[in-house]
PDB file of N, CA and C in Angstrom:
ATOM      1  N   MET A   1     134.793 128.241  90.664  1.00  0.00           N
ATOM      2  CA  MET A   1     133.405 128.259  91.077  1.00  0.00           C
ATOM      3  C   MET A   1     132.593 127.412  90.099  1.00  0.00           C
ATOM      4  N   GLU A   2     131.653 126.679  90.620  1.00  0.00           N
ATOM      5  CA  GLU A   2     130.839 125.765  89.821  1.00  0.00           C
ATOM      6  C   GLU A   2     129.676 126.508  89.168  1.00  0.00           C
ATOM      7  N   ALA A   3     129.371 126.131  87.935  1.00  0.00           N
ATOM      8  CA  ALA A   3     128.243 126.740  87.225  1.00  0.00           C
ATOM      9  C   ALA A   3     126.932 126.302  87.867  1.00  0.00           C
ATOM     10  N   PRO A   4     125.928 127.179  87.882  1.00  0.00           N
ATOM     11  CA  PRO A   4     124.635 126.803  88.478  1.00  0.00           C
ATOM     12  C   PRO A   4     123.973 125.681  87.684  1.00  0.00           C
ATOM     13  N   ARG A   5     123.265 124.833  88.405  1.00  0.00           N
ATOM     14  CA  ARG A   5     122.558 123.718  87.763  1.00  0.00           C
ATOM     15  C   ARG A   5     121.308 124.225  87.059  1.00  0.00           C
ATOM     16  N   ALA A   6     120.947 123.542  85.996  1.00  0.00           N
ATOM     17  CA  ALA A   6     119.759 123.914  85.233  1.00  0.00           C
ATOM     18  C   ALA A   6     118.506 123.633  86.058  1.00  0.00           C
ATOM     19  N   SER A   7     117.517 124.456  85.884  1.00  0.00           N
ATOM     20  CA  SER A   7     116.246 124.261  86.572  1.00  0.00           C
ATOM     21  C   SER A   7     115.514 123.084  85.932  1.00  0.00           C
ATOM     22  N   ARG A   8     115.071 122.162  86.749  1.00  0.00           N
ATOM     23  CA  ARG A   8     114.352 120.985  86.231  1.00  0.00           C
ATOM     24  C   ARG A   8     113.035 120.838  86.997  1.00  0.00           C
ATOM     25  N   PRO A   9     112.033 121.637  86.652  1.00  0.00           N
ATOM     26  CA  PRO A   9     110.786 121.594  87.423  1.00  0.00           C
ATOM     27  C   PRO A   9     110.063 120.255  87.327  1.00  0.00           C
ATOM     28  N   TRP A  10     110.189 119.545  86.207  1.00  0.00           N
ATOM     29  CA  TRP A  10     109.474 118.268  86.075  1.00  0.00           C
ATOM     30  C   TRP A  10     110.052 117.212  87.004  1.00  0.00           C
ATOM     31  N   VAL A  11     111.331 117.287  87.271  1.00  0.00           N
ATOM     32  CA  VAL A  11     111.933 116.352  88.221  1.00  0.00           C
ATOM     33  C   VAL A  11     111.367 116.615  89.616  1.00  0.00           C
ATOM     34  N   GLY A  12     111.265 117.876  89.976  1.00  0.00           N
ATOM     35  CA  GLY A  12     110.684 118.235  91.274  1.00  0.00           C
ATOM     36  C   GLY A  12     109.226 117.809  91.388  1.00  0.00           C
ATOM     37  N   ILE A  13     108.474 117.993  90.326  1.00  0.00           N
ATOM     38  CA  ILE A  13     107.071 117.581  90.319  1.00  0.00           C
ATOM     39  C   ILE A  13     106.967 116.071  90.471  1.00  0.00           C
ATOM     40  N   GLY A  14     107.843 115.342  89.783  1.00  0.00           N
ATOM     41  CA  GLY A  14     107.844 113.883  89.900  1.00  0.00           C
ATOM     42  C   GLY A  14     108.160 113.417  91.313  1.00  0.00           C
ATOM     43  N   TRP A  15     109.177 114.053  91.940  1.00  0.00           N
ATOM     44  CA  TRP A  15     109.518 113.685  93.322  1.00  0.00           C
ATOM     45  C   TRP A  15     108.362 113.980  94.276  1.00  0.00           C
ATOM     46  N   MET A  16     107.694 115.099  94.087  1.00  0.00           N
ATOM     47  CA  MET A  16     106.566 115.439  94.957  1.00  0.00           C
ATOM     48  C   MET A  16     105.416 114.452  94.777  1.00  0.00           C
ATOM     49  N   ALA A  17     105.145 114.042  93.541  1.00  0.00           N
ATOM     50  CA  ALA A  17     104.083 113.063  93.301  1.00  0.00           C
ATOM     51  C   ALA A  17     104.443 111.715  93.921  1.00  0.00           C
ATOM     52  N   LEU A  18     105.691 111.304  93.778  1.00  0.00           N
ATOM     53  CA  LEU A  18     106.135 110.044  94.373  1.00  0.00           C
ATOM     54  C   LEU A  18     106.069 110.094  95.896  1.00  0.00           C
ATOM     55  N   THR A  19     106.461 111.216  96.469  1.00  0.00           N
ATOM     56  CA  THR A  19     106.388 111.380  97.914  1.00  0.00           C
ATOM     57  C   THR A  19     104.944 111.294  98.394  1.00  0.00           C
ATOM     58  N   GLY A  20     104.039 111.951  97.698  1.00  0.00           N
ATOM     59  CA  GLY A  20     102.622 111.874  98.067  1.00  0.00           C
ATOM     60  C   GLY A  20     102.106 110.451  98.013  1.00  0.00           C
ATOM     61  N   LEU A  21     102.511 109.709  96.994  1.00  0.00           N
ATOM     62  CA  LEU A  21     102.114 108.305  96.876  1.00  0.00           C
ATOM     63  C   LEU A  21     102.646 107.489  98.050  1.00  0.00           C
ATOM     64  N   PHE A  22     103.901 107.717  98.431  1.00  0.00           N
ATOM     65  CA  PHE A  22     104.474 106.993  99.568  1.00  0.00           C
ATOM     66  C   PHE A  22     103.744 107.321 100.866  1.00  0.00           C
ATOM     67  N   PHE A  23     103.379 108.597 101.068  1.00  0.00           N
ATOM     68  CA  PHE A  23     102.626 108.960 102.270  1.00  0.00           C
ATOM     69  C   PHE A  23     101.295 108.215 102.325  1.00  0.00           C
ATOM     70  N   VAL A  24     100.627 108.130 101.192  1.00  0.00           N
ATOM     71  CA  VAL A  24      99.343 107.426 101.134  1.00  0.00           C
ATOM     72  C   VAL A  24      99.543 105.937 101.425  1.00  0.00           C
ATOM     73  N   CYS A  25     100.598 105.342 100.867  1.00  0.00           N
ATOM     74  CA  CYS A  25     100.864 103.911 101.092  1.00  0.00           C
ATOM     75  C   CYS A  25     101.155 103.613 102.551  1.00  0.00           C
ATOM     76  N   VAL A  26     101.976 104.428 103.178  1.00  0.00           N
ATOM     77  CA  VAL A  26     102.316 104.203 104.588  1.00  0.00           C
ATOM     78  C   VAL A  26     101.077 104.377 105.461  1.00  0.00           C
ATOM     79  N   THR A  27     100.278 105.383 105.181  1.00  0.00           N
ATOM     80  CA  THR A  27      99.047 105.579 105.948  1.00  0.00           C
ATOM     81  C   THR A  27      98.094 104.405 105.747  1.00  0.00           C
ATOM     82  N   GLY A  28      98.014 103.891 104.531  1.00  0.00           N
ATOM     83  CA  GLY A  28      97.168 102.727 104.256  1.00  0.00           C
ATOM     84  C   GLY A  28      97.634 101.489 105.005  1.00  0.00           C
ATOM     85  N   ILE A  29      98.949 101.283 105.083  1.00  0.00           N
ATOM     86  CA  ILE A  29      99.481 100.126 105.819  1.00  0.00           C
ATOM     87  C   ILE A  29      99.131 100.232 107.293  1.00  0.00           C
ATOM     88  N   VAL A  30      99.323 101.415 107.870  1.00  0.00           N
ATOM     89  CA  VAL A  30      99.031 101.589 109.299  1.00  0.00           C
ATOM     90  C   VAL A  30      97.538 101.452 109.561  1.00  0.00           C
ATOM     91  N   ARG A  31      96.712 101.968 108.685  1.00  0.00           N
ATOM     92  CA  ARG A  31      95.262 101.817 108.884  1.00  0.00           C
ATOM     93  C   ARG A  31      94.806 100.381 108.684  1.00  0.00           C
ATOM     94  N   TYR A  32      95.462  99.671 107.771  1.00  0.00           N
ATOM     95  CA  TYR A  32      95.125  98.265 107.559  1.00  0.00           C
ATOM     96  C   TYR A  32      95.416  97.456 108.829  1.00  0.00           C
ATOM     97  N   LEU A  33      96.526  97.767 109.462  1.00  0.00           N
ATOM     98  CA  LEU A  33      96.854  97.078 110.712  1.00  0.00           C
ATOM     99  C   LEU A  33      95.904  97.495 111.827  1.00  0.00           C
ATOM    100  N   GLY A  34      95.393  98.708 111.733  1.00  0.00           N
ATOM    101  CA  GLY A  34      94.342  99.189 112.624  1.00  0.00           C
ATOM    102  C   GLY A  34      94.675  99.113 114.090  1.00  0.00           C
ATOM    103  N   SER A  35      93.710  98.660 114.848  1.00  0.00           N
ATOM    104  CA  SER A  35      93.875  98.609 116.295  1.00  0.00           C
ATOM    105  C   SER A  35      94.523  97.305 116.756  1.00  0.00           C
ATOM    106  N   ASP A  36      95.051  96.518 115.815  1.00  0.00           N
ATOM    107  CA  ASP A  36      95.726  95.276 116.188  1.00  0.00           C
ATOM    108  C   ASP A  36      97.069  95.527 116.867  1.00  0.00           C
ATOM    109  N   ILE A  37      97.645  96.708 116.633  1.00  0.00           N
ATOM    110  CA  ILE A  37      98.941  97.015 117.239  1.00  0.00           C
ATOM    111  C   ILE A  37      98.849  98.321 118.015  1.00  0.00           C
ATOM    112  N   PRO A  38      99.682  98.481 119.036  1.00  0.00           N
ATOM    113  CA  PRO A  38      99.678  99.739 119.809  1.00  0.00           C
ATOM    114  C   PRO A  38     100.152 100.928 118.967  1.00  0.00           C
ATOM    115  N   ALA A  39      99.838 102.118 119.444  1.00  0.00           N
ATOM    116  CA  ALA A  39     100.197 103.340 118.722  1.00  0.00           C
ATOM    117  C   ALA A  39     101.706 103.482 118.567  1.00  0.00           C
ATOM    118  N   ALA A  40     102.469 103.075 119.564  1.00  0.00           N
ATOM    119  CA  ALA A  40     103.925 103.192 119.475  1.00  0.00           C
ATOM    120  C   ALA A  40     104.478 102.320 118.351  1.00  0.00           C
ATOM    121  N   GLN A  41     103.913 101.142 118.176  1.00  0.00           N
ATOM    122  CA  GLN A  41     104.384 100.277 117.092  1.00  0.00           C
ATOM    123  C   GLN A  41     103.995 100.818 115.722  1.00  0.00           C
ATOM    124  N   SER A  42     102.822 101.410 115.612  1.00  0.00           N
ATOM    125  CA  SER A  42     102.442 101.986 114.316  1.00  0.00           C
ATOM    126  C   SER A  42     103.330 103.190 113.990  1.00  0.00           C
ATOM    127  N   ALA A  43     103.702 103.972 115.003  1.00  0.00           N
ATOM    128  CA  ALA A  43     104.634 105.078 114.766  1.00  0.00           C
ATOM    129  C   ALA A  43     105.997 104.538 114.349  1.00  0.00           C
ATOM    130  N   PHE A  44     106.440 103.451 114.973  1.00  0.00           N
ATOM    131  CA  PHE A  44     107.715 102.846 114.594  1.00  0.00           C
ATOM    132  C   PHE A  44     107.679 102.373 113.145  1.00  0.00           C
ATOM    133  N   ILE A  45     106.568 101.784 112.723  1.00  0.00           N
ATOM    134  CA  ILE A  45     106.436 101.330 111.334  1.00  0.00           C
ATOM    135  C   ILE A  45     106.562 102.512 110.378  1.00  0.00           C
ATOM    136  N   ARG A  46     105.910 103.617 110.701  1.00  0.00           N
ATOM    137  CA  ARG A  46     105.995 104.808 109.855  1.00  0.00           C
ATOM    138  C   ARG A  46     107.438 105.292 109.726  1.00  0.00           C
ATOM    139  N   TYR A  47     108.129 105.388 110.867  1.00  0.00           N
ATOM    140  CA  TYR A  47     109.500 105.897 110.845  1.00  0.00           C
ATOM    141  C   TYR A  47     110.458 104.910 110.190  1.00  0.00           C
ATOM    142  N   ALA A  48     110.248 103.627 110.381  1.00  0.00           N
ATOM    143  CA  ALA A  48     111.120 102.623 109.766  1.00  0.00           C
ATOM    144  C   ALA A  48     110.976 102.644 108.247  1.00  0.00           C
ATOM    145  N   ILE A  49     109.752 102.744 107.761  1.00  0.00           N
ATOM    146  CA  ILE A  49     109.546 102.817 106.311  1.00  0.00           C
ATOM    147  C   ILE A  49     110.156 104.103 105.764  1.00  0.00           C
ATOM    148  N   GLY A  50     109.996 105.200 106.480  1.00  0.00           N
ATOM    149  CA  GLY A  50     110.604 106.460 106.057  1.00  0.00           C
ATOM    150  C   GLY A  50     112.117 106.379 106.002  1.00  0.00           C
ATOM    151  N   LEU A  51     112.724 105.714 106.979  1.00  0.00           N
ATOM    152  CA  LEU A  51     114.178 105.558 106.990  1.00  0.00           C
ATOM    153  C   LEU A  51     114.645 104.710 105.814  1.00  0.00           C
ATOM    154  N   VAL A  52     113.922 103.648 105.513  1.00  0.00           N
ATOM    155  CA  VAL A  52     114.289 102.797 104.378  1.00  0.00           C
ATOM    156  C   VAL A  52     114.209 103.586 103.069  1.00  0.00           C
ATOM    157  N   LEU A  53     113.194 104.418 102.938  1.00  0.00           N
ATOM    158  CA  LEU A  53     113.046 105.201 101.715  1.00  0.00           C
ATOM    159  C   LEU A  53     114.084 106.314 101.611  1.00  0.00           C
ATOM    160  N   MET A  54     114.561 106.825 102.742  1.00  0.00           N
ATOM    161  CA  MET A  54     115.551 107.899 102.728  1.00  0.00           C
ATOM    162  C   MET A  54     116.991 107.406 102.703  1.00  0.00           C
ATOM    163  N   ALA A  55     117.228 106.136 102.979  1.00  0.00           N
ATOM    164  CA  ALA A  55     118.584 105.597 103.078  1.00  0.00           C
ATOM    165  C   ALA A  55     119.441 105.850 101.835  1.00  0.00           C
ATOM    166  N   PRO A  56     118.920 105.689 100.612  1.00  0.00           N
ATOM    167  CA  PRO A  56     119.775 105.945  99.452  1.00  0.00           C
ATOM    168  C   PRO A  56     120.267 107.393  99.348  1.00  0.00           C
ATOM    169  N   PHE A  57     119.560 108.327  99.963  1.00  0.00           N
ATOM    170  CA  PHE A  57     119.937 109.731  99.868  1.00  0.00           C
ATOM    171  C   PHE A  57     120.861 110.172 100.999  1.00  0.00           C
ATOM    172  N   LEU A  58     120.948 109.389 102.063  1.00  0.00           N
ATOM    173  CA  LEU A  58     121.736 109.800 103.215  1.00  0.00           C
ATOM    174  C   LEU A  58     123.236 109.768 102.947  1.00  0.00           C
ATOM    175  N   GLY A  59     123.723 108.763 102.221  1.00  0.00           N
ATOM    176  CA  GLY A  59     125.150 108.655 101.938  1.00  0.00           C
ATOM    177  C   GLY A  59     125.707 109.874 101.218  1.00  0.00           C
ATOM    178  N   PRO A  60     125.164 110.222 100.045  1.00  0.00           N
ATOM    179  CA  PRO A  60     125.671 111.411  99.345  1.00  0.00           C
ATOM    180  C   PRO A  60     125.493 112.699 100.149  1.00  0.00           C
ATOM    181  N   LEU A  61     124.428 112.766 100.923  1.00  0.00           N
ATOM    182  CA  LEU A  61     124.188 113.962 101.717  1.00  0.00           C
ATOM    183  C   LEU A  61     125.238 114.113 102.817  1.00  0.00           C
ATOM    184  N   LEU A  62     125.608 113.010 103.451  1.00  0.00           N
ATOM    185  CA  LEU A  62     126.608 113.062 104.514  1.00  0.00           C
ATOM    186  C   LEU A  62     128.012 113.297 103.955  1.00  0.00           C
ATOM    187  N   ARG A  63     128.269 112.841 102.721  1.00  0.00           N
ATOM    188  CA  ARG A  63     129.586 113.028 102.115  1.00  0.00           C
ATOM    189  C   ARG A  63     129.754 114.404 101.481  1.00  0.00           C
ATOM    190  N   ALA A  64     128.673 115.128 101.297  1.00  0.00           N
ATOM    191  CA  ALA A  64     128.743 116.426 100.634  1.00  0.00           C
ATOM    192  C   ALA A  64     129.558 117.400 101.480  1.00  0.00           C
ATOM    193  N   ASP A  65     130.375 118.185 100.814  1.00  0.00           N
ATOM    194  CA  ASP A  65     131.199 119.178 101.493  1.00  0.00           C
ATOM    195  C   ASP A  65     130.385 120.457 101.644  1.00  0.00           C
ATOM    196  N   MET A  66     129.751 120.582 102.776  1.00  0.00           N
ATOM    197  CA  MET A  66     128.919 121.761 103.009  1.00  0.00           C
ATOM    198  C   MET A  66     129.624 122.687 103.988  1.00  0.00           C
ATOM    199  N   SER A  67     129.965 123.842 103.494  1.00  0.00           N
ATOM    200  CA  SER A  67     130.595 124.822 104.354  1.00  0.00           C
ATOM    201  C   SER A  67     129.510 125.680 104.989  1.00  0.00           C
ATOM    202  N   GLY A  68     129.909 126.698 105.679  1.00  0.00           N
ATOM    203  CA  GLY A  68     128.961 127.546 106.406  1.00  0.00           C
ATOM    204  C   GLY A  68     127.880 128.162 105.557  1.00  0.00           C
ATOM    205  N   ARG A  69     128.221 128.577 104.350  1.00  0.00           N
ATOM    206  CA  ARG A  69     127.239 129.259 103.509  1.00  0.00           C
ATOM    207  C   ARG A  69     127.146 128.561 102.160  1.00  0.00           C
ATOM    208  N   THR A  70     126.321 127.532 102.091  1.00  0.00           N
ATOM    209  CA  THR A  70     126.110 126.798 100.853  1.00  0.00           C
ATOM    210  C   THR A  70     124.735 127.138 100.316  1.00  0.00           C
ATOM    211  N   LEU A  71     124.686 127.634  99.091  1.00  0.00           N
ATOM    212  CA  LEU A  71     123.391 127.994  98.500  1.00  0.00           C
ATOM    213  C   LEU A  71     123.056 127.052  97.398  1.00  0.00           C
TER     214      LEU A  71
END
């Protein structure tokens, strides 16, 4: 059995601050484009940027051995 990982609250705080900054940046980009593009394209831009930002985390997450009850 693996030992529990140490609690790192500052890492969590840093990730939350970075995430908030990214949300503000994406919203600013979509508002800057304004009514020049249709709503569907602005939604696509939001999701595409989100996918690019999440891509580095998807590989390890998909390779992780998660059984029925992983805590």
